[in-house]
Structure formats: structure tokens, C-alpha cells
C-alpha atoms as a PDB file:
ATOM      1  CA  GLU A   1     -15.204  38.363 -14.226  1.00  0.00           C
ATOM      2  CA  SER A   2     -15.434  37.683 -10.482  1.00  0.00           C
ATOM      3  CA  ALA A   3     -11.948  39.123 -10.045  1.00  0.00           C
ATOM      4  CA  ILE A   4     -12.817  42.271 -11.961  1.00  0.00           C
ATOM      5  CA  GLU A   5     -16.356  42.778 -10.705  1.00  0.00           C
ATOM      6  CA  GLN A   6     -15.998  41.542  -7.105  1.00  0.00           C
ATOM      7  CA  GLY A   7     -12.245  41.802  -6.486  1.00  0.00           C
ATOM      8  CA  LYS A   8     -11.856  38.050  -5.853  1.00  0.00           C
ATOM      9  CA  SER A   9      -8.443  36.440  -6.276  1.00  0.00           C
ATOM     10  CA  PHE A  10      -8.314  33.093  -8.062  1.00  0.00           C
ATOM     11  CA  ASP A  11      -6.127  29.987  -8.070  1.00  0.00           C
ATOM     12  CA  LEU A  12      -7.312  27.511 -10.699  1.00  0.00           C
ATOM     13  CA  THR A  13      -6.259  24.438 -12.627  1.00  0.00           C
ATOM     14  CA  LEU A  14      -7.939  24.470 -16.025  1.00  0.00           C
ATOM     15  CA  GLU A  15      -8.117  22.501 -19.215  1.00  0.00           C
ATOM     16  CA  ILE A  16      -7.668  24.631 -22.323  1.00  0.00           C
ATOM     17  CA  ILE A  17      -7.371  24.082 -26.055  1.00  0.00           C
ATOM     18  CA  SER A  18      -4.356  25.777 -27.649  1.00  0.00           C
ATOM     19  CA  ARG A  19      -4.471  27.502 -31.034  1.00  0.00           C
ATOM     20  CA  SER A  20      -3.021  24.334 -32.591  1.00  0.00           C
ATOM     21  CA  GLY A  21      -5.942  22.366 -31.128  1.00  0.00           C
ATOM     22  CA  ARG A  22      -3.838  20.651 -28.461  1.00  0.00           C
ATOM     23  CA  CYS A  23      -5.470  20.016 -25.091  1.00  0.00           C
ATOM     24  CA  LYS A  24      -3.434  21.409 -22.203  1.00  0.00           C
ATOM     25  CA  ARG A  25      -3.655  21.662 -18.443  1.00  0.00           C
ATOM     26  CA  VAL A  26      -2.672  25.003 -16.943  1.00  0.00           C
ATOM     27  CA  HIS A  27      -2.376  26.425 -13.463  1.00  0.00           C
ATOM     28  CA  THR A  28      -3.293  30.084 -13.197  1.00  0.00           C
ATOM     29  CA  ILE A  29      -3.432  32.543 -10.321  1.00  0.00           C
ATOM     30  CA  GLY A  30      -4.648  36.103 -10.338  1.00  0.00           C
ATOM     31  CA  THR A  31      -4.950  38.972  -7.883  1.00  0.00           C
ATOM     32  CA  PRO A  32      -6.966  42.138  -8.507  1.00  0.00           C
ATOM     33  CA  VAL A  33      -5.222  45.487  -8.094  1.00  0.00           C
ATOM     34  CA  TRP A  34      -7.429  48.143  -6.531  1.00  0.00           C
ATOM     35  CA  GLU A  35      -7.266  51.869  -6.993  1.00  0.00           C
ATOM     36  CA  HIS A  36      -9.828  54.363  -5.660  1.00  0.00           C
ATOM     37  CA  GLY A  37     -12.235  51.588  -4.784  1.00  0.00           C
ATOM     38  CA  GLU A  38     -12.202  49.775  -8.107  1.00  0.00           C
ATOM     39  CA  VAL A  39     -10.192  47.058  -9.797  1.00  0.00           C
ATOM     40  CA  ILE A  40      -7.881  48.589 -12.375  1.00  0.00           C
ATOM     41  CA  GLU A  41      -5.934  45.473 -13.401  1.00  0.00           C
ATOM     42  CA  LEU A  42      -5.236  41.811 -12.676  1.00  0.00           C
ATOM     43  CA  ARG A  43      -1.806  40.496 -11.841  1.00  0.00           C
ATOM     44  CA  GLY A  44      -0.970  36.845 -11.965  1.00  0.00           C
ATOM     45  CA  SER A  45       0.574  34.015 -13.893  1.00  0.00           C
ATOM     46  CA  ILE A  46      -0.300  31.028 -16.009  1.00  0.00           C
ATOM     47  CA  GLN A  47       1.818  27.880 -16.142  1.00  0.00           C
ATOM     48  CA  ASP A  48       1.582  24.885 -18.459  1.00  0.00           C
ATOM     49  CA  ILE A  49       1.410  21.808 -16.178  1.00  0.00           C
ATOM     50  CA  THR A  50       0.352  19.314 -18.867  1.00  0.00           C
ATOM     51  CA  GLU A  51       3.373  16.997 -18.473  1.00  0.00           C
ATOM     52  CA  THR A  52       3.226  17.037 -14.664  1.00  0.00           C
ATOM     53  CA  TRP A  53      -0.514  16.398 -14.714  1.00  0.00           C
ATOM     54  CA  GLN A  54      -0.116  13.516 -17.187  1.00  0.00           C
ATOM     55  CA  ALA A  55       2.651  11.954 -15.069  1.00  0.00           C
ATOM     56  CA  GLN A  56       0.498  12.236 -11.940  1.00  0.00           C
ATOM     57  CA  ALA A  57      -2.511  10.781 -13.774  1.00  0.00           C
ATOM     58  CA  GLU A  58      -0.409   7.855 -15.049  1.00  0.00           C
ATOM     59  CA  LEU A  59       0.989   7.247 -11.552  1.00  0.00           C
ATOM     60  CA  ALA A  60      -2.510   7.324 -10.035  1.00  0.00           C
ATOM     61  CA  TYR A  61      -3.714   4.887 -12.707  1.00  0.00           C
ATOM     62  CA  SER A  62      -0.741   2.602 -12.090  1.00  0.00           C
ATOM     63  CA  GLU A  63      -1.358   2.625  -8.324  1.00  0.00           C
ATOM     64  CA  LYS A  64      -5.054   1.923  -8.916  1.00  0.00           C
ATOM     65  CA  ARG A  65      -4.191  -1.097 -11.063  1.00  0.00           C
ATOM     66  CA  LEU A  66      -1.765  -2.336  -8.396  1.00  0.00           C
ATOM     67  CA  ARG A  67      -4.427  -1.974  -5.702  1.00  0.00           C
ATOM     68  CA  LEU A  68      -6.921  -3.891  -7.849  1.00  0.00           C
ATOM     69  CA  LEU A  69      -4.350  -6.608  -8.483  1.00  0.00           C
ATOM     70  CA  ILE A  70      -3.703  -6.964  -4.752  1.00  0.00           C
ATOM     71  CA  GLU A  71      -7.366  -6.850  -3.769  1.00  0.00           C
ATOM     72  CA  HIS A  72      -8.246  -9.690  -6.140  1.00  0.00           C
ATOM     73  CA  ALA A  73      -5.087 -11.770  -5.700  1.00  0.00           C
ATOM     74  CA  PRO A  74      -5.875 -15.395  -4.747  1.00  0.00           C
ATOM     75  CA  VAL A  75      -3.320 -15.209  -1.912  1.00  0.00           C
ATOM     76  CA  PRO A  76      -3.136 -13.230   1.351  1.00  0.00           C
ATOM     77  CA  LEU A  77      -1.455  -9.952   0.300  1.00  0.00           C
ATOM     78  CA  ALA A  78      -1.495  -6.436   1.737  1.00  0.00           C
ATOM     79  CA  MET A  79       0.067  -3.181   0.582  1.00  0.00           C
ATOM     80  CA  PHE A  80       1.293  -0.639   3.135  1.00  0.00           C
ATOM     81  CA  ASP A  81       2.699   2.896   3.019  1.00  0.00           C
ATOM     82  CA  ASN A  82       5.946   3.784   4.800  1.00  0.00           C
ATOM     83  CA  GLN A  83       4.086   4.247   8.092  1.00  0.00           C
ATOM     84  CA  MET A  84       2.704   0.679   7.872  1.00  0.00           C
ATOM     85  CA  CYS A  85      -0.810   1.954   7.141  1.00  0.00           C
ATOM     86  CA  TYR A  86      -2.954  -0.102   4.769  1.00  0.00           C
ATOM     87  CA  ILE A  87      -3.278   0.992   1.150  1.00  0.00           C
ATOM     88  CA  ALA A  88      -4.861  -2.249  -0.111  1.00  0.00           C
ATOM     89  CA  ALA A  89      -5.484  -5.826   1.002  1.00  0.00           C
ATOM     90  CA  SER A  90      -6.596  -8.933  -0.860  1.00  0.00           C
ATOM     91  CA  ASP A  91      -9.901 -10.648  -0.150  1.00  0.00           C
ATOM     92  CA  ARG A  92      -7.880 -13.659   0.993  1.00  0.00           C
ATOM     93  CA  TRP A  93      -5.999 -11.445   3.496  1.00  0.00           C
ATOM     94  CA  MET A  94      -9.300 -10.182   4.896  1.00  0.00           C
ATOM     95  CA  SER A  95     -10.733 -13.687   5.269  1.00  0.00           C
ATOM     96  CA  ASN A  96      -7.548 -15.343   6.582  1.00  0.00           C
ATOM     97  CA  PHE A  97      -7.224 -12.766   9.350  1.00  0.00           C
ATOM     98  CA  ASN A  98     -10.962 -12.735  10.148  1.00  0.00           C
ATOM     99  CA  LEU A  99     -11.312  -9.044   9.314  1.00  0.00           C
ATOM    100  CA  GLY A 100     -14.712  -9.429   7.649  1.00  0.00           C
ATOM    101  CA  ASP A 101     -15.928  -6.083   6.308  1.00  0.00           C
ATOM    102  CA  THR A 102     -13.638  -4.041   8.581  1.00  0.00           C
ATOM    103  CA  ASP A 103     -12.447  -0.851   6.888  1.00  0.00           C
ATOM    104  CA  ILE A 104      -8.688  -1.132   7.320  1.00  0.00           C
ATOM    105  CA  ILE A 105      -7.546   1.283   4.591  1.00  0.00           C
ATOM    106  CA  GLY A 106      -5.502   4.081   6.155  1.00  0.00           C
ATOM    107  CA  ARG A 107      -5.215   2.291   9.497  1.00  0.00           C
ATOM    108  CA  CYS A 108      -1.901   1.167  10.973  1.00  0.00           C
ATOM    109  CA  HIS A 109      -1.211  -2.580  10.802  1.00  0.00           C
ATOM    110  CA  TYR A 110       0.025  -2.582  14.415  1.00  0.00           C
ATOM    111  CA  ASP A 111      -3.189  -0.995  15.701  1.00  0.00           C
ATOM    112  CA  ILE A 112      -5.196  -3.802  14.105  1.00  0.00           C
ATOM    113  CA  PHE A 113      -2.735  -6.506  15.184  1.00  0.00           C
ATOM    114  CA  PRO A 114      -1.023  -5.290  18.392  1.00  0.00           C
ATOM    115  CA  GLU A 115       0.421  -8.785  18.985  1.00  0.00           C
ATOM    116  CA  VAL A 116       2.781  -8.560  15.968  1.00  0.00           C
ATOM    117  CA  PRO A 117       6.158  -9.715  17.368  1.00  0.00           C
ATOM    118  CA  GLU A 118       9.187  -7.450  17.321  1.00  0.00           C
ATOM    119  CA  ARG A 119      11.056  -9.713  14.885  1.00  0.00           C
ATOM    120  CA  TRP A 120       8.299  -9.164  12.297  1.00  0.00           C
ATOM    121  CA  LYS A 121       8.309  -5.412  12.928  1.00  0.00           C
ATOM    122  CA  ASP A 122      12.054  -5.509  12.329  1.00  0.00           C
ATOM    123  CA  ALA A 123      11.460  -7.332   9.018  1.00  0.00           C
ATOM    124  CA  HIS A 124       8.950  -4.626   8.062  1.00  0.00           C
ATOM    125  CA  ARG A 125      11.471  -1.879   8.925  1.00  0.00           C
ATOM    126  CA  ARG A 126      14.132  -3.593   6.824  1.00  0.00           C
ATOM    127  CA  GLY A 127      11.656  -3.906   3.953  1.00  0.00           C
ATOM    128  CA  LEU A 128      11.030  -0.165   4.206  1.00  0.00           C
ATOM    129  CA  GLN A 129      14.788   0.264   3.783  1.00  0.00           C
ATOM    130  CA  GLY A 130      14.644  -1.661   0.495  1.00  0.00           C
ATOM    131  CA  GLU A 131      15.338  -5.262   1.555  1.00  0.00           C
ATOM    132  CA  VAL A 132      13.405  -8.312   0.399  1.00  0.00           C
ATOM    133  CA  LEU A 133      12.935 -10.787   3.258  1.00  0.00           C
ATOM    134  CA  LYS A 134      11.093 -14.074   3.613  1.00  0.00           C
ATOM    135  CA  SER A 135      10.595 -17.105   5.808  1.00  0.00           C
ATOM    136  CA  ASP A 136       9.257 -20.461   4.671  1.00  0.00           C
ATOM    137  CA  GLU A 137       8.278 -21.534   8.184  1.00  0.00           C
ATOM    138  CA  ASP A 138       7.892 -19.166  11.124  1.00  0.00           C
ATOM    139  CA  LYS A 139       6.374 -19.967  14.502  1.00  0.00           C
ATOM    140  CA  PHE A 140       4.037 -17.444  16.134  1.00  0.00           C
ATOM    141  CA  GLU A 141       2.387 -17.765  19.528  1.00  0.00           C
ATOM    142  CA  THR A 142      -0.758 -15.688  20.047  1.00  0.00           C
ATOM    143  CA  GLN A 143      -1.778 -13.967  23.275  1.00  0.00           C
ATOM    144  CA  ASP A 144      -4.159 -16.835  24.102  1.00  0.00           C
ATOM    145  CA  GLY A 145      -1.255 -19.305  23.891  1.00  0.00           C
ATOM    146  CA  SER A 146      -2.182 -20.965  20.606  1.00  0.00           C
ATOM    147  CA  VAL A 147       0.640 -21.624  18.159  1.00  0.00           C
ATOM    148  CA  HIS A 148       0.502 -20.781  14.477  1.00  0.00           C
ATOM    149  CA  TRP A 149       2.990 -21.358  11.705  1.00  0.00           C
ATOM    150  CA  SER A 150       3.265 -19.068   8.712  1.00  0.00           C
ATOM    151  CA  ARG A 151       5.158 -18.523   5.494  1.00  0.00           C
ATOM    152  CA  TRP A 152       5.762 -14.855   4.702  1.00  0.00           C
ATOM    153  CA  GLU A 153       7.549 -12.442   2.404  1.00  0.00           C
ATOM    154  CA  VAL A 154       8.215  -8.697   2.627  1.00  0.00           C
ATOM    155  CA  ARG A 155       8.908  -6.699  -0.551  1.00  0.00           C
ATOM    156  CA  PRO A 156       9.349  -2.947  -0.909  1.00  0.00           C
ATOM    157  CA  TRP A 157       7.380  -1.052  -3.550  1.00  0.00           C
ATOM    158  CA  TYR A 158       8.733   2.100  -5.177  1.00  0.00           C
ATOM    159  CA  THR A 159       7.357   5.510  -6.108  1.00  0.00           C
ATOM    160  CA  ALA A 160       7.889   7.209  -9.466  1.00  0.00           C
ATOM    161  CA  LYS A 161      10.964   8.873  -7.908  1.00  0.00           C
ATOM    162  CA  GLU A 162      12.453   5.412  -7.232  1.00  0.00           C
ATOM    163  CA  GLU A 163      11.989   5.868  -3.481  1.00  0.00           C
ATOM    164  CA  VAL A 164      10.532   3.158  -1.234  1.00  0.00           C
ATOM    165  CA  GLY A 165       6.871   4.051  -0.831  1.00  0.00           C
ATOM    166  CA  GLY A 166       6.065   1.149   1.487  1.00  0.00           C
ATOM    167  CA  ILE A 167       5.977  -2.639   1.492  1.00  0.00           C
ATOM    168  CA  ILE A 168       3.871  -5.454   0.109  1.00  0.00           C
ATOM    169  CA  LEU A 169       3.399  -8.234   2.621  1.00  0.00           C
ATOM    170  CA  PHE A 170       2.468 -11.844   1.865  1.00  0.00           C
ATOM    171  CA  VAL A 171       1.521 -14.044   4.839  1.00  0.00           C
ATOM    172  CA  GLU A 172       0.180 -17.573   4.495  1.00  0.00           C
ATOM    173  CA  ASN A 173      -1.032 -19.668   7.411  1.00  0.00           C
ATOM    174  CA  ILE A 174       0.687 -23.070   7.101  1.00  0.00           C
ATOM    175  CA  THR A 175      -0.248 -24.364  10.576  1.00  0.00           C
ATOM    176  CA  GLN A 176      -2.146 -27.370   9.210  1.00  0.00           C
ATOM    177  CA  ALA A 177       0.569 -28.200   6.685  1.00  0.00           C
ATOM    178  CA  HIS A 178       3.178 -27.974   9.454  1.00  0.00           C
ATOM    179  CA  ALA A 179       1.108 -30.255  11.720  1.00  0.00           C
ATOM    180  CA  ASP A 180       0.639 -32.765   8.883  1.00  0.00           C
ATOM    181  CA  ARG A 181       4.369 -32.754   8.149  1.00  0.00           C
ATOM    182  CA  GLU A 182       5.251 -33.251  11.821  1.00  0.00           C
ATOM    183  CA  ALA A 183       2.715 -36.087  12.106  1.00  0.00           C
ATOM    184  CA  LEU A 184       4.243 -37.742   9.032  1.00  0.00           C
ATOM    185  CA  LYS A 185       7.746 -37.410  10.519  1.00  0.00           C
ATOM    186  CA  LYS A 186       6.534 -38.938  13.766  1.00  0.00           C
ATOM    187  CA  SER A 187       4.796 -41.758  11.910  1.00  0.00           C
ATOM    188  CA  GLU A 188       7.943 -42.499   9.873  1.00  0.00           C
ATOM    189  CA  SER A 189      10.049 -42.408  13.043  1.00  0.00           C
ATOM    190  CA  ASN A 190       7.662 -44.836  14.802  1.00  0.00           C
ATOM    191  CA  PHE A 191       7.696 -47.130  11.767  1.00  0.00           C
ATOM    192  CA  ARG A 192      11.517 -47.151  11.662  1.00  0.00           C
ATOM    193  CA  HIS A 193      11.604 -47.837  15.394  1.00  0.00           C
ATOM    194  CA  LEU A 194       9.209 -50.783  15.040  1.00  0.00           C
ATOM    195  CA  PHE A 195      11.133 -52.113  12.032  1.00  0.00           C
ATOM    196  CA  GLU A 196      14.491 -51.877  13.869  1.00  0.00           C
ATOM    197  CA  ASN A 197      13.067 -53.640  16.957  1.00  0.00           C
ATOM    198  CA  ALA A 198      11.553 -56.364  14.782  1.00  0.00           C
ATOM    199  CA  GLU A 199      15.007 -57.213  13.467  1.00  0.00           C
END
């Protein structure tokens, strides 16, 4: 009616019911044709996009479930796109990295953590190429000189087209466990030394 009465073009996605009673999604465009100052006809097209729409809806639902799974995972996990911008992060990730209520979604990981070493960036790049990488014990020295140890894993995630859409990153701070293990080694070494000298 707007096209006929006011000469407005339209570009719409609509839900319709077919004669058989089936619900469909269609994309339709229309352009009024003017003659002597009035609209004499409409030219356009209508396309059934039901399958495409359903596939997109299923993909969106799947990604939503994945984000929820990550957000509520009991481990420090984060999901990134192929530009290393945050898509989701677990509560444990937020607390472990002292991010509080910071809104990190859509922000680049390297802007939030500029001290990320080049070797980790390289691991991220390789993950974005489809590799799975991990380290059970990795030393990291912060800008203030403190030393941290972490266990991490990089895994690519894939789009519906089987292309790498980004990576999922797991990083666990094992500094205390590392210190405890080193203290135990030192204690065992001291004990052996005392035992050998006693003989």
C-alpha cells in the first residue's frame, strides 16, 4: 500500500503461511514504476529463504549454547574470533585475571593484556591456522618482575562452513602448585643430602 500510494520501495523479510499451511520465510523487494505522476505497477521479486533462515537460526542457537557453556565453565576459558576479540569468557576467567565486571566482549585480548609475550601470540596465530597447542608448565614474567607459572591450551573452533572462526583458550594459574612442587623437590634433595652425609 505504501509503495502504491506513496511510491516507497520496500525490502522486507517476512513470515508467511503457504496454501498447504507451511510456515515460510521470504525475502521480497519491490520498486514502484511511475508514469505521469502516479504509480502504475510494482516490480520486484520474492525469494523463499526458509532453509537459509533455519540454518542461520540453528547456528545462532548453537553459538549461544557454546557461549553459555564457556561462561559457566568451572575453569578459566575464553572464546575469541579470528581477530582475537572476545566472544565469551567464563566467570573463572574473569576472576582469575581480576577483570571484575569489565565488559570485554568485542575487545581485543592484546588491548586488555598488552604484556602477552610473543610466544603466546604465536601460539594464538597457529591456533587460528587450525593447530591445537598446549603447555603443562609455562613461565611468565610480568612487567613488575613477578613470575607466574601457567598451564594453557589453544583450540580452534569452526564455523558452519568448516572454517576456523577463532580459538578457545584455557589458561590456569599453577604458580602455587609449581612453588609447592619445587619446595618438595628441594626438601627431598636436602633429606637425601643429610642421609648421605650421615652414612
